[in-house]
């Protein structure tokens, strides 16, 4: 399972970063094209420092990267990390689906008229 291949710390950082709606929005905006942190900050009713902190959480999770160009820090999405989060969610969904299928099998076995197998 992919989740097992990723360390708990990596998965925790990914999901912590994605748990916040502002960070998800920053990620969406960065996916559309490189944006400076100052340009991102204009879109939110919070301080520049608060937006920088959100970007830092995304960067620590590997979801975005920053590149300094002159006076600006440009933020871009790291597609590999987004794919990691997607695969981790898929693996969790598969695990739950297997559990639910097993429970359905057990319930069918116990249905009157079927008898135990």
N, C-alpha and C. Protein backbone atom coordinates (compact mmCIF):
# COMPACT_ATOMS: atom_id res chain seq x y z
N UNK A 1 0.85 -1.18 0.00
CA UNK A 1 0.00 0.00 0.00
C UNK A 1 0.89 1.24 0.00
N UNK A 2 0.53 2.24 -0.79
CA UNK A 2 1.34 3.45 -0.95
C UNK A 2 1.50 4.21 0.37
N UNK A 3 0.43 4.25 1.17
CA UNK A 3 0.51 4.97 2.43
C UNK A 3 1.62 4.40 3.29
N UNK A 4 1.77 3.06 3.27
CA UNK A 4 2.84 2.43 4.03
C UNK A 4 4.21 2.82 3.50
N UNK A 5 4.31 3.06 2.17
CA UNK A 5 5.58 3.43 1.57
C UNK A 5 6.00 4.84 1.98
N UNK A 6 5.04 5.69 2.27
CA UNK A 6 5.33 7.04 2.73
C UNK A 6 5.44 7.00 4.25
N UNK A 7 6.34 7.75 4.79
CA UNK A 7 6.46 7.79 6.25
C UNK A 7 5.24 8.47 6.84
N UNK A 8 4.92 8.11 8.08
CA UNK A 8 3.81 8.76 8.77
C UNK A 8 3.99 10.26 8.81
N UNK A 9 5.22 10.69 9.02
CA UNK A 9 5.52 12.12 9.09
C UNK A 9 5.19 12.81 7.76
N UNK A 10 5.55 12.18 6.65
CA UNK A 10 5.27 12.75 5.33
C UNK A 10 3.77 12.86 5.10
N UNK A 11 3.04 11.79 5.39
CA UNK A 11 1.59 11.80 5.21
C UNK A 11 0.95 12.84 6.13
N UNK A 12 1.42 12.93 7.37
CA UNK A 12 0.88 13.92 8.30
C UNK A 12 1.10 15.34 7.79
N UNK A 13 2.29 15.62 7.27
CA UNK A 13 2.58 16.96 6.73
C UNK A 13 1.69 17.27 5.54
N UNK A 14 1.52 16.28 4.65
CA UNK A 14 0.67 16.50 3.47
C UNK A 14 -0.76 16.83 3.88
N UNK A 15 -1.32 15.99 4.75
CA UNK A 15 -2.72 16.18 5.11
C UNK A 15 -2.91 17.39 6.02
N UNK A 16 -1.93 17.71 6.85
CA UNK A 16 -2.02 18.94 7.65
C UNK A 16 -2.05 20.15 6.73
N UNK A 17 -1.18 20.15 5.73
CA UNK A 17 -1.13 21.28 4.80
C UNK A 17 -2.44 21.40 4.02
N UNK A 18 -3.01 20.28 3.63
CA UNK A 18 -4.22 20.30 2.82
C UNK A 18 -5.49 20.51 3.65
N UNK A 19 -5.37 20.43 4.97
CA UNK A 19 -6.54 20.56 5.85
C UNK A 19 -7.07 22.00 5.91
N UNK A 20 -6.27 22.96 5.54
CA UNK A 20 -6.65 24.37 5.65
C UNK A 20 -7.14 24.89 4.30
N UNK A 21 -8.30 25.54 4.29
CA UNK A 21 -8.89 26.03 3.03
C UNK A 21 -8.02 27.10 2.36
N UNK A 22 -7.37 27.95 3.14
CA UNK A 22 -6.50 28.96 2.54
C UNK A 22 -5.33 28.30 1.83
N UNK A 23 -4.74 27.29 2.47
CA UNK A 23 -3.60 26.60 1.83
C UNK A 23 -4.05 25.85 0.57
N UNK A 24 -5.24 25.26 0.60
CA UNK A 24 -5.74 24.59 -0.61
C UNK A 24 -5.94 25.62 -1.72
N UNK A 25 -6.43 26.80 -1.37
CA UNK A 25 -6.63 27.84 -2.37
C UNK A 25 -5.28 28.33 -2.92
N UNK A 26 -4.30 28.50 -2.06
CA UNK A 26 -2.96 28.89 -2.51
C UNK A 26 -2.42 27.84 -3.47
N UNK A 27 -2.62 26.58 -3.15
CA UNK A 27 -2.17 25.49 -4.00
C UNK A 27 -2.85 25.55 -5.36
N UNK A 28 -4.16 25.79 -5.38
CA UNK A 28 -4.89 25.92 -6.65
C UNK A 28 -4.36 27.09 -7.47
N UNK A 29 -4.15 28.22 -6.82
CA UNK A 29 -3.65 29.40 -7.54
C UNK A 29 -2.25 29.15 -8.10
N UNK A 30 -1.40 28.51 -7.30
CA UNK A 30 -0.04 28.23 -7.75
C UNK A 30 -0.04 27.21 -8.90
N UNK A 31 -1.02 26.31 -8.91
CA UNK A 31 -1.11 25.33 -9.99
C UNK A 31 -1.44 25.99 -11.32
N UNK A 32 -2.13 27.13 -11.25
CA UNK A 32 -2.51 27.86 -12.47
C UNK A 32 -1.33 28.62 -13.06
N UNK A 33 -0.28 28.82 -12.29
CA UNK A 33 0.91 29.53 -12.76
C UNK A 33 1.66 30.12 -11.59
N UNK A 34 2.95 30.37 -11.79
CA UNK A 34 3.77 30.93 -10.72
C UNK A 34 3.21 32.27 -10.28
N UNK A 35 3.15 32.44 -8.97
CA UNK A 35 2.71 33.70 -8.39
C UNK A 35 3.69 34.09 -7.31
N UNK A 36 3.90 35.37 -7.15
CA UNK A 36 4.74 35.84 -6.05
C UNK A 36 3.95 35.76 -4.76
N UNK A 37 4.67 35.64 -3.65
CA UNK A 37 4.00 35.60 -2.35
C UNK A 37 3.24 36.89 -2.13
N UNK A 38 3.80 38.02 -2.55
CA UNK A 38 3.10 39.30 -2.36
C UNK A 38 1.82 39.35 -3.20
N UNK A 39 1.84 38.78 -4.39
CA UNK A 39 0.63 38.74 -5.23
C UNK A 39 -0.43 37.83 -4.59
N UNK A 40 0.02 36.70 -4.05
CA UNK A 40 -0.90 35.81 -3.35
C UNK A 40 -1.54 36.53 -2.17
N UNK A 41 -0.72 37.28 -1.43
CA UNK A 41 -1.21 37.96 -0.21
C UNK A 41 -2.33 38.95 -0.53
N UNK A 42 -2.32 39.51 -1.73
CA UNK A 42 -3.37 40.46 -2.11
C UNK A 42 -4.76 39.80 -2.16
N UNK A 43 -4.79 38.49 -2.33
CA UNK A 43 -6.07 37.78 -2.50
C UNK A 43 -6.74 37.41 -1.18
N UNK A 44 -6.06 37.63 -0.07
CA UNK A 44 -6.59 37.16 1.22
C UNK A 44 -6.71 38.29 2.23
N UNK A 45 -7.74 38.21 3.07
CA UNK A 45 -7.93 39.24 4.10
C UNK A 45 -7.08 38.96 5.34
N UNK A 46 -5.78 38.81 5.11
CA UNK A 46 -4.84 38.56 6.21
C UNK A 46 -3.53 39.23 5.87
N UNK A 47 -2.65 39.25 6.81
CA UNK A 47 -1.37 39.93 6.62
C UNK A 47 -0.46 39.14 5.66
N UNK A 48 0.48 39.84 5.12
CA UNK A 48 1.49 39.23 4.25
C UNK A 48 2.21 38.12 5.03
N UNK A 49 2.53 38.38 6.30
CA UNK A 49 3.23 37.39 7.12
C UNK A 49 2.40 36.12 7.29
N UNK A 50 1.08 36.26 7.43
CA UNK A 50 0.21 35.09 7.57
C UNK A 50 0.22 34.26 6.29
N UNK A 51 0.19 34.92 5.14
CA UNK A 51 0.25 34.20 3.86
C UNK A 51 1.61 33.51 3.72
N UNK A 52 2.67 34.19 4.14
CA UNK A 52 4.00 33.57 4.10
C UNK A 52 4.02 32.30 4.94
N UNK A 53 3.37 32.32 6.09
CA UNK A 53 3.33 31.14 6.95
C UNK A 53 2.57 30.00 6.28
N UNK A 54 1.47 30.32 5.61
CA UNK A 54 0.72 29.30 4.88
C UNK A 54 1.59 28.68 3.78
N UNK A 55 2.29 29.53 3.05
CA UNK A 55 3.18 29.05 1.99
C UNK A 55 4.28 28.18 2.59
N UNK A 56 4.80 28.56 3.75
CA UNK A 56 5.85 27.77 4.41
C UNK A 56 5.35 26.38 4.79
N UNK A 57 4.10 26.27 5.24
CA UNK A 57 3.52 24.96 5.58
C UNK A 57 3.42 24.12 4.31
N UNK A 58 2.95 24.72 3.22
CA UNK A 58 2.85 24.00 1.95
C UNK A 58 4.23 23.57 1.45
N UNK A 59 5.20 24.44 1.64
CA UNK A 59 6.57 24.13 1.21
C UNK A 59 7.16 23.00 2.05
N UNK A 60 6.93 23.02 3.35
CA UNK A 60 7.44 21.97 4.23
C UNK A 60 6.84 20.61 3.87
N UNK A 61 5.59 20.63 3.38
CA UNK A 61 4.94 19.39 2.96
C UNK A 61 5.37 18.97 1.56
N UNK A 62 6.13 19.85 0.89
CA UNK A 62 6.59 19.53 -0.45
C UNK A 62 5.54 19.78 -1.52
N UNK A 63 4.48 20.49 -1.17
CA UNK A 63 3.40 20.74 -2.14
C UNK A 63 3.69 21.91 -3.06
N UNK A 64 4.50 22.85 -2.59
CA UNK A 64 4.92 23.98 -3.42
C UNK A 64 6.42 24.19 -3.24
N UNK A 65 6.96 24.92 -4.17
CA UNK A 65 8.35 25.35 -4.02
C UNK A 65 8.39 26.85 -4.27
N UNK A 66 9.41 27.48 -3.69
CA UNK A 66 9.61 28.92 -3.88
C UNK A 66 10.93 29.13 -4.59
N UNK A 67 10.92 30.10 -5.47
CA UNK A 67 12.15 30.47 -6.18
C UNK A 67 12.27 31.99 -6.13
N UNK A 68 13.41 32.45 -5.69
CA UNK A 68 13.62 33.90 -5.63
C UNK A 68 14.05 34.40 -7.00
N UNK A 69 13.31 35.41 -7.46
CA UNK A 69 13.67 36.11 -8.70
C UNK A 69 13.67 37.59 -8.39
N UNK A 70 14.85 38.14 -8.29
CA UNK A 70 14.96 39.54 -7.90
C UNK A 70 14.44 39.75 -6.50
N UNK A 71 13.48 40.64 -6.36
CA UNK A 71 12.91 40.93 -5.04
C UNK A 71 11.73 40.02 -4.69
N UNK A 72 11.28 39.24 -5.66
CA UNK A 72 10.09 38.42 -5.45
C UNK A 72 10.43 36.96 -5.17
N UNK A 73 9.55 36.32 -4.41
CA UNK A 73 9.62 34.88 -4.21
C UNK A 73 8.43 34.28 -4.95
N UNK A 74 8.73 33.51 -6.01
CA UNK A 74 7.65 32.93 -6.80
C UNK A 74 7.31 31.55 -6.26
N UNK A 75 6.02 31.30 -6.16
CA UNK A 75 5.50 30.04 -5.64
C UNK A 75 4.96 29.22 -6.80
N UNK A 76 5.37 27.95 -6.86
CA UNK A 76 4.83 27.05 -7.88
C UNK A 76 4.49 25.71 -7.24
N UNK A 77 3.52 25.04 -7.82
CA UNK A 77 3.06 23.76 -7.31
C UNK A 77 4.06 22.67 -7.65
N UNK A 78 4.25 21.76 -6.72
CA UNK A 78 5.10 20.59 -6.95
C UNK A 78 4.19 19.41 -7.27
N UNK A 79 4.03 19.10 -8.56
CA UNK A 79 3.06 18.07 -8.96
C UNK A 79 3.32 16.71 -8.33
N UNK A 80 4.56 16.36 -8.08
CA UNK A 80 4.87 15.05 -7.49
C UNK A 80 4.26 14.92 -6.10
N UNK A 81 4.30 15.97 -5.32
CA UNK A 81 3.76 15.92 -3.96
C UNK A 81 2.24 15.84 -3.99
N UNK A 82 1.62 16.56 -4.91
CA UNK A 82 0.17 16.49 -5.05
C UNK A 82 -0.22 15.06 -5.43
N UNK A 83 0.56 14.46 -6.32
CA UNK A 83 0.32 13.08 -6.73
C UNK A 83 0.49 12.12 -5.55
N UNK A 84 1.47 12.38 -4.69
CA UNK A 84 1.66 11.55 -3.49
C UNK A 84 0.43 11.59 -2.61
N UNK A 85 -0.11 12.78 -2.40
CA UNK A 85 -1.31 12.90 -1.57
C UNK A 85 -2.48 12.16 -2.22
N UNK A 86 -2.60 12.28 -3.51
CA UNK A 86 -3.67 11.58 -4.24
C UNK A 86 -3.51 10.07 -4.09
N UNK A 87 -2.31 9.56 -4.28
CA UNK A 87 -2.08 8.12 -4.14
C UNK A 87 -2.33 7.65 -2.72
N UNK A 88 -1.96 8.46 -1.74
CA UNK A 88 -2.20 8.09 -0.34
C UNK A 88 -3.69 7.98 -0.06
N UNK A 89 -4.47 8.92 -0.59
CA UNK A 89 -5.93 8.86 -0.42
C UNK A 89 -6.51 7.65 -1.15
N UNK A 90 -6.02 7.37 -2.35
CA UNK A 90 -6.49 6.20 -3.09
C UNK A 90 -6.20 4.91 -2.31
N UNK A 91 -5.02 4.83 -1.72
CA UNK A 91 -4.65 3.64 -0.96
C UNK A 91 -5.55 3.47 0.26
N UNK A 92 -5.87 4.58 0.93
CA UNK A 92 -6.77 4.50 2.08
C UNK A 92 -8.17 4.07 1.64
N UNK A 93 -8.63 4.60 0.51
CA UNK A 93 -9.95 4.22 -0.01
C UNK A 93 -9.98 2.74 -0.36
N UNK A 94 -8.92 2.23 -0.95
CA UNK A 94 -8.84 0.81 -1.28
C UNK A 94 -8.88 -0.05 -0.02
N UNK A 95 -8.17 0.37 1.00
CA UNK A 95 -8.14 -0.40 2.26
C UNK A 95 -9.55 -0.45 2.86
N UNK A 96 -10.26 0.68 2.86
CA UNK A 96 -11.62 0.69 3.41
C UNK A 96 -12.56 -0.12 2.53
N UNK A 97 -12.37 -0.07 1.25
CA UNK A 97 -13.21 -0.86 0.35
C UNK A 97 -13.02 -2.35 0.60
N UNK A 98 -11.79 -2.79 0.81
CA UNK A 98 -11.53 -4.20 1.14
C UNK A 98 -12.22 -4.58 2.45
N UNK A 99 -12.14 -3.69 3.44
CA UNK A 99 -12.80 -3.97 4.73
C UNK A 99 -14.31 -4.08 4.56
N UNK A 100 -14.89 -3.14 3.81
CA UNK A 100 -16.34 -3.17 3.60
C UNK A 100 -16.75 -4.41 2.82
N UNK A 101 -15.98 -4.80 1.82
CA UNK A 101 -16.28 -6.02 1.07
C UNK A 101 -16.23 -7.24 1.96
N UNK A 102 -15.24 -7.28 2.84
CA UNK A 102 -15.11 -8.41 3.77
C UNK A 102 -16.30 -8.45 4.72
N UNK A 103 -16.72 -7.29 5.21
CA UNK A 103 -17.90 -7.24 6.09
C UNK A 103 -19.14 -7.70 5.35
N UNK A 104 -19.30 -7.30 4.09
CA UNK A 104 -20.44 -7.74 3.28
C UNK A 104 -20.42 -9.25 3.11
N UNK A 105 -19.24 -9.80 2.85
CA UNK A 105 -19.11 -11.25 2.72
C UNK A 105 -19.54 -11.95 4.00
N UNK A 106 -19.08 -11.44 5.13
CA UNK A 106 -19.43 -12.05 6.41
C UNK A 106 -20.93 -11.95 6.68
N UNK A 107 -21.53 -10.83 6.35
CA UNK A 107 -22.98 -10.67 6.56
C UNK A 107 -23.77 -11.61 5.65
N UNK A 108 -23.33 -11.78 4.42
CA UNK A 108 -24.00 -12.71 3.51
C UNK A 108 -23.92 -14.14 4.04
N UNK A 109 -22.81 -14.49 4.63
CA UNK A 109 -22.63 -15.84 5.19
C UNK A 109 -23.57 -16.10 6.35
N UNK A 110 -23.91 -15.04 7.08
CA UNK A 110 -24.76 -15.18 8.26
C UNK A 110 -26.24 -14.98 7.95
N UNK A 111 -26.60 -14.68 6.71
CA UNK A 111 -27.99 -14.48 6.32
C UNK A 111 -28.75 -15.80 6.46
N UNK A 112 -29.93 -15.79 7.10
CA UNK A 112 -30.71 -17.02 7.24
C UNK A 112 -30.93 -17.69 5.90
N UNK A 113 -30.75 -18.99 5.86
CA UNK A 113 -30.91 -19.75 4.63
C UNK A 113 -29.59 -20.02 3.95
N UNK A 114 -28.59 -19.17 4.21
CA UNK A 114 -27.28 -19.40 3.61
C UNK A 114 -26.47 -20.40 4.45
N UNK A 115 -26.68 -20.34 5.76
CA UNK A 115 -25.92 -21.20 6.66
C UNK A 115 -24.47 -20.81 6.69
N UNK A 116 -23.76 -21.25 7.72
CA UNK A 116 -22.33 -20.93 7.79
C UNK A 116 -21.55 -21.70 6.74
N UNK A 117 -20.47 -21.10 6.28
CA UNK A 117 -19.63 -21.75 5.26
C UNK A 117 -18.40 -22.32 5.86
